[in-house]
Amino acid sequence: MDTMEILTALGTPAGRADPYPLYASLHDIGEVIEFGPGHVLVVGYDAINSVLRDPGFRVSDKSTLEKDFAGWAANPVFVQVVDWLLNLNAPRHSRIRSLMARTFTARRIAGLEPAIAAMADELIDAMAERGADGSVIEFMHDFAYLLPVTVICELIGIPEADRESFRPLTRDLTGVFELRDLETLPAINAAAVELLAYFTELAAERRAVPRDDLVSDLLAVSDAGDGRLTDAELLHNLTLLLAAGFETTTNLLGNGLQVILQHPPAGEGVRDGSIPAPAFVEEVLRFDSPVQLTSRIGYGTTVGGVPVSPGAGVTTLLGAGNRDPRRFTDPARFDPMRPDGGPLSFGGGAHFCIGAALARLEGAVAFPRLLSRFPKIAAAGEPTRMDRLLLRGFDTLPVTVA
């Protein structure tokens, strides 16, 4: 297949369900591939890494939206999107990220480990009770969703009673990342409106009665009126933080369990300690990344020997880079003890995922506990994957635990 045939195949349900053979075909073509005027596809590990770390490459921001989508401002989701950290360039990106990053310092994240362990144990106890008689457990909802949503909601300051409703809302909202047609836009807009209304109300409550949480901390900055953070920037990025804070970690947990179900020796190694949990998590991130791609806007430069013109659209296929045979020995083999690790799954450079350490910690805490408690965990029917390419994960993953 040529490049356009491969890209067409990636856009099909079958291609989204298993993109890795198509990525292998792209590797055969080259590390960096021109496809059409002003479009560059980056699939090699080193080339992707160089793009992500090069400040000359910019993300699509408000100016891009104004150029490409005349009616953007009539859609509530795009009004929020133009304030999201993902879609900001310096200096605005640096200003807002520095404020958000205070919640994700290495010391603060490390200090969360006992609380994450307690949350995981509570969810595992509930799974054990429901599955004691051999009943099927829906892992994605009963654990993979509930653990990270509980953690991020605790950090943000969202009351426990409000958390159950977030999964369908954020699932609709993150559809904006893969807007294949305008038919899904009404549901995406509706989710954006509902989440913004929720955070507006929560902010009003925290203004009245501040607490030790992210909302209260950021409100203090916003209310100072010194230009560091506007109300809109605060509220819109809380919506992003909620969605990004659990959606990708949920997918990491689901993808990791599927690896265990398909490669039992990996699970046994994590259970008996011969495979360190952090190493297992890193290999899951490489082998089946929760985030498969990101994009940049090019400038007059070259990547992997291929010219990139100013304004060119540059798509970096992180999932392909993680399977680059130039970088990884036998890249299609799951090997948590491989010496050539280092996934691209959290991006790089100025836009490196702000919650990467938290996601890694949740995975490293969760998998040994799950496997220790459920040594006989097994698949109970076919899982269903989300029909998405960018965010890769499962809708359902049924298992038995006894």
Protein backbone atom coordinates (compact mmCIF):
# COMPACT_ATOMS: atom_id res chain seq x y z
CA MET A 1 0.00 0.00 0.00
CA ASP A 2 1.08 3.58 -0.59
CA THR A 3 0.80 6.31 2.05
CA MET A 4 -2.70 7.47 1.13
CA GLU A 5 -4.02 3.91 1.08
CA ILE A 6 -2.57 3.34 4.55
CA LEU A 7 -4.06 6.57 5.89
CA THR A 8 -7.42 5.68 4.38
CA ALA A 9 -7.24 2.31 6.11
CA LEU A 10 -6.40 4.00 9.43
CA GLY A 11 -9.63 5.93 9.07
CA THR A 12 -11.75 2.77 8.95
CA PRO A 13 -13.17 0.97 12.01
CA ALA A 14 -10.81 -1.96 11.38
CA GLY A 15 -7.82 0.37 11.11
CA ARG A 16 -8.74 2.16 14.31
CA ALA A 17 -9.25 -1.16 16.10
CA ASP A 18 -5.73 -2.35 15.19
CA PRO A 19 -3.52 0.34 13.66
CA TYR A 20 -0.22 -1.43 14.30
CA PRO A 21 0.12 -3.41 11.05
CA LEU A 22 -0.58 -0.16 9.20
CA TYR A 23 2.07 1.63 11.24
CA ALA A 24 4.52 -1.11 10.24
CA SER A 25 3.73 -0.39 6.60
CA LEU A 26 4.42 3.29 7.16
CA HIS A 27 7.80 2.44 8.71
CA ASP A 28 8.66 0.61 5.52
CA ILE A 29 8.06 3.85 3.59
CA GLY A 30 10.18 6.09 5.82
CA GLU A 31 10.57 7.97 9.10
CA VAL A 32 9.01 11.15 7.70
CA ILE A 33 6.55 11.05 4.82
CA GLU A 34 5.14 13.86 2.72
CA PHE A 35 1.52 13.26 1.74
CA GLY A 36 -0.16 15.95 -0.27
CA PRO A 37 0.72 19.65 -0.40
CA GLY A 38 1.63 21.07 2.99
CA HIS A 39 1.20 17.84 4.96
CA VAL A 40 3.90 15.79 6.65
CA LEU A 41 3.48 12.52 8.55
CA VAL A 42 6.13 11.69 11.16
CA VAL A 43 6.31 8.02 12.18
CA GLY A 44 9.92 7.46 13.27
CA TYR A 45 10.76 7.64 16.98
CA ASP A 46 13.71 10.03 16.69
CA ALA A 47 11.92 12.27 14.20
CA ILE A 48 8.81 12.51 16.40
CA ASN A 49 10.97 13.28 19.42
CA SER A 50 12.74 16.07 17.56
CA VAL A 51 9.45 17.67 16.45
CA LEU A 52 7.91 17.57 19.93
CA ARG A 53 10.98 19.14 21.50
CA ASP A 54 11.53 21.82 18.86
CA PRO A 55 9.93 25.12 19.97
CA GLY A 56 9.74 26.19 16.33
CA PHE A 57 6.81 23.81 15.86
CA ARG A 58 3.59 25.31 17.18
CA VAL A 59 0.24 23.82 18.10
CA SER A 60 -2.99 24.83 16.41
CA ASP A 61 -4.45 27.72 18.37
CA LYS A 62 -7.17 30.33 18.09
CA SER A 63 -5.60 31.89 15.01
CA THR A 64 -5.66 28.51 13.26
CA LEU A 65 -9.33 28.03 14.11
CA GLU A 66 -10.20 31.50 12.86
CA LYS A 67 -8.50 30.73 9.55
CA ASP A 68 -9.97 27.25 9.07
CA PHE A 69 -13.44 27.43 10.64
CA ALA A 70 -15.31 30.69 10.19
CA GLY A 71 -18.20 29.73 12.47
CA TRP A 72 -16.13 28.35 15.34
CA ALA A 73 -17.27 30.89 17.94
CA ALA A 74 -20.88 29.73 17.62
CA ASN A 75 -19.84 26.36 19.10
CA PRO A 76 -19.37 26.31 22.88
CA VAL A 77 -16.75 23.59 22.71
CA PHE A 78 -14.44 25.67 20.50
CA VAL A 79 -14.83 28.67 22.80
CA GLN A 80 -13.34 26.43 25.47
CA VAL A 81 -10.81 24.74 23.19
CA VAL A 82 -9.04 28.00 22.39
CA ASP A 83 -8.19 28.33 26.09
CA TRP A 84 -7.04 24.75 26.63
CA LEU A 85 -3.37 24.26 27.41
CA LEU A 86 -3.21 21.76 24.55
CA ASN A 87 -3.99 24.54 22.10
CA LEU A 88 -1.88 27.39 23.44
CA ASN A 89 1.52 28.60 22.34
CA ALA A 90 4.05 30.69 24.24
CA PRO A 91 3.87 33.01 26.06
CA ARG A 92 0.26 32.30 27.02
CA HIS A 93 0.88 28.57 27.33
CA SER A 94 3.82 29.11 29.67
CA ARG A 95 1.83 31.47 31.90
CA ILE A 96 -1.12 29.12 32.42
CA ARG A 97 0.87 25.89 32.55
CA SER A 98 3.09 27.23 35.32
CA LEU A 99 -0.01 27.78 37.47
CA MET A 100 -1.55 24.38 36.73
CA ALA A 101 1.76 22.59 37.26
CA ARG A 102 1.81 23.51 40.95
CA THR A 103 -0.64 20.68 41.56
CA PHE A 104 1.55 18.14 39.77
CA THR A 105 4.95 18.59 41.42
CA ALA A 106 6.96 15.40 41.93
CA ARG A 107 6.72 15.74 45.70
CA ARG A 108 2.97 16.21 45.72
CA ILE A 109 2.38 13.32 43.32
CA ALA A 110 4.61 10.98 45.34
CA GLY A 111 2.68 11.96 48.44
CA LEU A 112 -0.52 10.68 46.84
CA GLU A 113 0.63 7.05 46.73
CA PRO A 114 -0.96 5.97 50.04
CA ALA A 115 -4.27 7.55 49.07
CA ILE A 116 -4.20 5.96 45.60
CA ALA A 117 -3.43 2.57 47.16
CA ALA A 118 -6.37 2.96 49.55
CA MET A 119 -8.70 3.93 46.69
CA ALA A 120 -7.51 0.96 44.62
CA ASP A 121 -8.00 -1.45 47.52
CA GLU A 122 -11.53 -0.18 48.09
CA LEU A 123 -12.44 -0.72 44.44
CA ILE A 124 -10.79 -4.16 44.44
CA ASP A 125 -12.80 -5.13 47.55
CA ALA A 126 -15.99 -4.18 45.73
CA MET A 127 -14.94 -6.18 42.66
CA ALA A 128 -14.16 -9.19 44.84
CA GLU A 129 -17.58 -9.04 46.46
CA ARG A 130 -19.46 -8.75 43.17
CA GLY A 131 -17.38 -11.42 41.45
CA ALA A 132 -17.05 -13.95 44.27
CA ASP A 133 -19.61 -16.27 42.71
CA GLY A 134 -18.07 -16.08 39.26
CA SER A 135 -20.21 -13.17 38.09
CA VAL A 136 -18.79 -11.04 35.29
CA ILE A 137 -17.15 -7.75 36.31
CA GLU A 138 -17.02 -4.84 33.87
CA PHE A 139 -13.45 -3.74 34.48
CA MET A 140 -13.55 -0.48 32.57
CA HIS A 141 -16.31 0.99 34.72
CA ASP A 142 -15.70 -0.80 38.00
CA PHE A 143 -11.99 -0.04 38.20
CA ALA A 144 -10.30 1.56 35.18
CA TYR A 145 -12.68 4.52 35.25
CA LEU A 146 -13.37 4.83 38.95
CA LEU A 147 -9.76 4.89 40.17
CA PRO A 148 -8.43 7.78 38.02
CA VAL A 149 -11.67 9.78 38.18
CA THR A 150 -11.56 9.55 41.97
CA VAL A 151 -7.93 10.68 42.05
CA ILE A 152 -8.35 13.65 39.69
CA CYS A 153 -11.62 14.71 41.32
CA GLU A 154 -9.93 14.68 44.74
CA LEU A 155 -7.16 16.90 43.36
CA ILE A 156 -9.55 19.30 41.67
CA GLY A 157 -12.02 19.34 44.56
CA ILE A 158 -15.08 17.70 42.99
CA PRO A 159 -17.46 16.15 45.53
CA GLU A 160 -17.84 12.37 45.45
CA ALA A 161 -21.57 12.52 44.72
CA ASP A 162 -20.94 14.31 41.40
CA ARG A 163 -18.38 11.96 39.87
CA GLU A 164 -20.47 9.15 38.38
CA SER A 165 -21.95 11.39 35.68
CA PHE A 166 -18.63 12.52 34.23
CA ARG A 167 -17.71 9.51 32.09
CA PRO A 168 -20.37 9.96 29.36
CA LEU A 169 -19.89 13.73 29.40
CA THR A 170 -16.13 13.59 28.96
CA ARG A 171 -16.48 10.82 26.39
CA ASP A 172 -18.63 13.17 24.32
CA LEU A 173 -16.34 16.14 24.97
CA THR A 174 -13.17 14.36 23.87
CA GLY A 175 -14.90 13.59 20.58
CA VAL A 176 -13.67 17.05 19.57
CA PHE A 177 -10.19 15.53 19.13
CA GLU A 178 -11.48 13.27 16.34
CA LEU A 179 -14.23 15.32 14.75
CA ARG A 180 -14.79 13.20 11.66
CA ASP A 181 -18.05 14.91 10.70
CA LEU A 182 -20.33 17.64 12.05
CA GLU A 183 -23.03 15.18 13.10
CA THR A 184 -21.31 14.61 16.44
CA LEU A 185 -20.84 18.33 17.14
CA PRO A 186 -24.19 18.88 18.93
CA ALA A 187 -23.37 16.20 21.53
CA ILE A 188 -19.86 17.61 21.96
CA ASN A 189 -21.23 21.13 22.42
CA ALA A 190 -23.82 19.88 24.91
CA ALA A 191 -21.13 18.20 26.99
CA ALA A 192 -19.00 21.35 26.92
CA VAL A 193 -21.94 23.48 28.10
CA GLU A 194 -22.84 21.07 30.91
CA LEU A 195 -19.28 20.74 32.20
CA LEU A 196 -18.72 24.49 32.07
CA ALA A 197 -21.94 25.07 34.03
CA TYR A 198 -20.78 22.54 36.61
CA PHE A 199 -17.39 24.19 37.10
CA THR A 200 -18.95 27.66 37.20
CA GLU A 201 -21.14 26.53 40.07
CA LEU A 202 -18.27 24.76 41.82
CA ALA A 203 -16.13 27.89 41.52
CA ALA A 204 -18.88 29.96 43.15
CA GLU A 205 -19.02 27.48 46.04
CA ARG A 206 -15.25 27.58 46.51
CA ARG A 207 -15.20 31.36 46.42
CA ALA A 208 -17.66 31.32 49.30
CA VAL A 209 -15.90 28.52 51.21
CA PRO A 210 -12.34 27.84 49.99
CA ARG A 211 -10.80 24.39 50.53
CA ASP A 212 -7.44 22.71 50.08
CA ASP A 213 -7.93 21.84 46.41
CA LEU A 214 -6.95 22.98 42.93
CA VAL A 215 -10.12 24.98 42.30
CA SER A 216 -9.60 27.07 45.43
CA ASP A 217 -5.90 27.58 44.66
CA LEU A 218 -6.55 28.76 41.10
CA LEU A 219 -9.48 30.95 42.14
CA ALA A 220 -7.14 32.82 44.47
CA VAL A 221 -4.86 33.51 41.50
CA SER A 222 -7.75 34.48 39.21
CA ASP A 223 -9.35 36.76 41.80
CA ALA A 224 -6.07 38.59 42.37
CA GLY A 225 -6.77 40.38 39.09
CA ASP A 226 -3.10 40.67 38.16
CA GLY A 227 -3.44 39.11 34.71
CA ARG A 228 -2.03 35.71 35.57
CA LEU A 229 -5.30 33.84 35.01
CA THR A 230 -8.72 34.91 33.76
CA ASP A 231 -11.95 33.30 34.87
CA ALA A 232 -12.47 31.82 31.40
CA GLU A 233 -8.97 30.35 31.32
CA LEU A 234 -9.54 28.84 34.76
CA LEU A 235 -12.93 27.28 34.03
CA HIS A 236 -12.06 26.03 30.56
CA ASN A 237 -8.85 24.36 31.71
CA LEU A 238 -10.63 22.70 34.62
CA THR A 239 -12.84 21.02 32.03
CA LEU A 240 -9.76 19.89 30.11
CA LEU A 241 -8.00 18.72 33.27
CA LEU A 242 -10.98 16.62 34.30
CA ALA A 243 -11.26 14.94 30.89
CA ALA A 244 -7.53 14.45 30.36
CA GLY A 245 -6.99 13.56 34.01
CA PHE A 246 -8.86 10.31 33.85
CA GLU A 247 -9.58 9.45 30.20
CA THR A 248 -5.98 8.59 29.32
CA THR A 249 -5.30 6.82 32.64
CA THR A 250 -8.52 4.84 32.26
CA ASN A 251 -7.22 3.71 28.87
CA LEU A 252 -3.80 2.88 30.32
CA LEU A 253 -5.41 0.61 32.92
CA GLY A 254 -7.68 -1.07 30.39
CA ASN A 255 -4.96 -1.54 27.79
CA GLY A 256 -2.65 -2.90 30.49
CA LEU A 257 -5.14 -5.45 31.72
CA GLN A 258 -5.80 -6.61 28.15
CA VAL A 259 -2.05 -7.17 27.76
CA ILE A 260 -2.10 -9.28 30.93
CA LEU A 261 -5.05 -11.32 29.67
CA GLN A 262 -3.27 -11.94 26.36
CA HIS A 263 0.24 -12.37 27.80
CA PRO A 264 -0.19 -14.23 31.14
CA PRO A 265 3.58 -14.40 31.89
CA ALA A 266 3.63 -10.59 32.11
CA GLY A 267 0.91 -10.67 34.76
CA GLU A 268 2.68 -13.42 36.66
CA GLY A 269 5.88 -11.38 36.64
CA VAL A 270 4.15 -8.30 38.04
CA ARG A 271 2.42 -10.47 40.66
CA ASP A 272 5.60 -12.13 41.93
CA GLY A 273 7.73 -9.00 41.65
CA SER A 274 10.10 -10.29 38.98
CA ILE A 275 8.75 -7.55 36.70
CA PRO A 276 8.76 -4.16 38.47
CA ALA A 277 5.37 -2.50 38.17
CA PRO A 278 6.83 0.77 36.79
CA ALA A 279 8.59 -1.20 34.03
CA PHE A 280 5.34 -2.97 33.17
CA VAL A 281 3.52 0.38 32.96
CA GLU A 282 6.21 1.84 30.68
CA GLU A 283 5.93 -1.11 28.32
CA VAL A 284 2.12 -0.85 28.23
CA LEU A 285 2.54 2.81 27.31
CA ARG A 286 4.88 1.84 24.49
CA PHE A 287 3.06 -1.26 23.31
CA ASP A 288 -0.49 0.14 23.25
CA SER A 289 -0.40 3.87 23.96
CA PRO A 290 -3.57 5.55 25.29
CA VAL A 291 -2.72 8.52 23.05
CA GLN A 292 -1.78 7.60 19.50
CA LEU A 293 -1.02 10.91 17.81
CA THR A 294 -0.63 14.64 18.12
CA SER A 295 -0.04 17.42 15.63
CA ARG A 296 2.00 20.56 15.10
CA ILE A 297 2.29 23.42 12.62
CA GLY A 298 5.61 23.46 10.82
CA TYR A 299 8.12 26.16 10.00
CA GLY A 300 10.93 26.35 7.47
CA THR A 301 13.06 23.41 8.57
CA THR A 302 13.73 19.74 7.86
CA VAL A 303 12.77 16.66 9.84
CA GLY A 304 14.48 13.39 9.10
CA GLY A 305 15.86 14.93 5.93
CA VAL A 306 12.39 15.90 4.67
CA PRO A 307 11.69 19.62 4.13
CA VAL A 308 8.87 21.10 6.21
CA SER A 309 7.47 24.33 4.83
CA PRO A 310 6.15 27.18 7.01
CA GLY A 311 2.56 26.48 8.00
CA ALA A 312 2.67 22.80 7.01
CA GLY A 313 0.48 20.42 8.94
CA VAL A 314 2.69 17.95 10.82
CA THR A 315 1.10 14.82 12.28
CA THR A 316 3.24 12.83 14.70
CA LEU A 317 2.01 9.25 15.10
CA LEU A 318 3.12 8.51 18.66
CA GLY A 319 1.77 4.96 18.48
CA ALA A 320 3.90 4.33 15.39
CA GLY A 321 6.98 5.87 16.97
CA ASN A 322 6.54 3.53 19.92
CA ARG A 323 6.75 0.59 17.49
CA ASP A 324 9.64 1.96 15.40
CA PRO A 325 11.98 -0.96 14.52
CA ARG A 326 14.83 1.55 14.18
CA ARG A 327 14.46 2.30 17.90
CA PHE A 328 13.03 -0.87 19.47
CA THR A 329 14.18 -4.45 19.02
CA ASP A 330 11.24 -6.62 17.95
CA PRO A 331 8.78 -3.74 18.56
CA ALA A 332 5.64 -5.88 18.23
CA ARG A 333 6.72 -8.03 21.19
CA PHE A 334 5.56 -7.06 24.67
CA ASP A 335 8.68 -7.05 26.84
CA PRO A 336 8.58 -5.01 30.06
CA MET A 337 12.24 -5.83 30.75
CA ARG A 338 13.46 -4.49 27.39
CA PRO A 339 16.55 -2.28 27.74
CA ASP A 340 15.43 0.05 24.94
CA GLY A 341 12.32 1.52 26.58
CA GLY A 342 11.16 5.12 26.61
CA PRO A 343 7.69 5.60 25.12
CA LEU A 344 6.56 8.78 23.40
CA SER A 345 3.06 8.41 24.80
CA PHE A 346 3.08 11.55 26.95
CA GLY A 347 4.48 13.77 24.21
CA GLY A 348 7.51 15.93 24.79
CA GLY A 349 8.88 19.43 25.04
CA ALA A 350 6.72 22.30 26.30
CA HIS A 351 3.54 20.26 25.85
CA PHE A 352 4.73 17.15 27.71
CA CYS A 353 1.71 15.78 29.58
CA ILE A 354 1.37 17.62 32.86
CA GLY A 355 -0.16 14.55 34.53
CA ALA A 356 2.32 11.95 33.27
CA ALA A 357 3.79 11.19 36.69
CA LEU A 358 0.33 10.80 38.19
CA ALA A 359 -0.79 8.37 35.46
CA ARG A 360 2.38 6.32 35.87
CA LEU A 361 1.91 6.20 39.63
CA GLU A 362 -1.71 5.08 39.36
CA GLY A 363 -0.70 2.26 37.02
CA ALA A 364 2.23 1.18 39.18
CA VAL A 365 0.01 1.08 42.27
CA ALA A 366 -2.99 -0.57 40.60
CA PHE A 367 -1.58 -3.52 38.65
CA PRO A 368 0.28 -5.33 41.48
CA ARG A 369 -2.76 -4.96 43.73
CA LEU A 370 -5.15 -6.27 41.10
CA LEU A 371 -2.97 -9.24 40.26
CA SER A 372 -2.19 -10.11 43.86
CA ARG A 373 -5.87 -10.08 44.79
CA PHE A 374 -7.10 -11.73 41.59
CA PRO A 375 -4.51 -14.31 40.44
CA LYS A 376 -7.22 -16.04 38.38
CA ILE A 377 -8.52 -12.93 36.61
CA ALA A 378 -9.67 -13.93 33.14
CA ALA A 379 -11.48 -12.56 30.12
CA ALA A 380 -15.23 -13.10 30.12
CA GLY A 381 -16.25 -12.46 26.54
CA GLU A 382 -15.00 -10.08 23.89
CA PRO A 383 -14.07 -6.55 24.95
CA THR A 384 -15.27 -3.59 22.92
CA ARG A 385 -12.87 -0.86 21.90
CA MET A 386 -13.73 2.77 21.46
CA ASP A 387 -14.02 3.54 17.76
CA ARG A 388 -11.23 6.10 17.92
CA LEU A 389 -7.65 6.41 16.77
CA LEU A 390 -6.26 9.32 18.79
CA LEU A 391 -7.51 8.13 22.19
CA ARG A 392 -7.06 4.36 22.26
CA GLY A 393 -8.90 2.32 24.84
CA PHE A 394 -11.85 0.10 25.65
CA ASP A 395 -15.50 0.84 26.20
CA THR A 396 -15.97 -2.49 27.97
CA LEU A 397 -13.59 -5.15 29.22
CA PRO A 398 -15.54 -7.95 30.93
CA VAL A 399 -13.62 -10.25 33.30
CA THR A 400 -14.11 -12.81 36.02
CA VAL A 401 -12.02 -12.59 39.16
CA ALA A 402 -12.73 -15.91 40.90
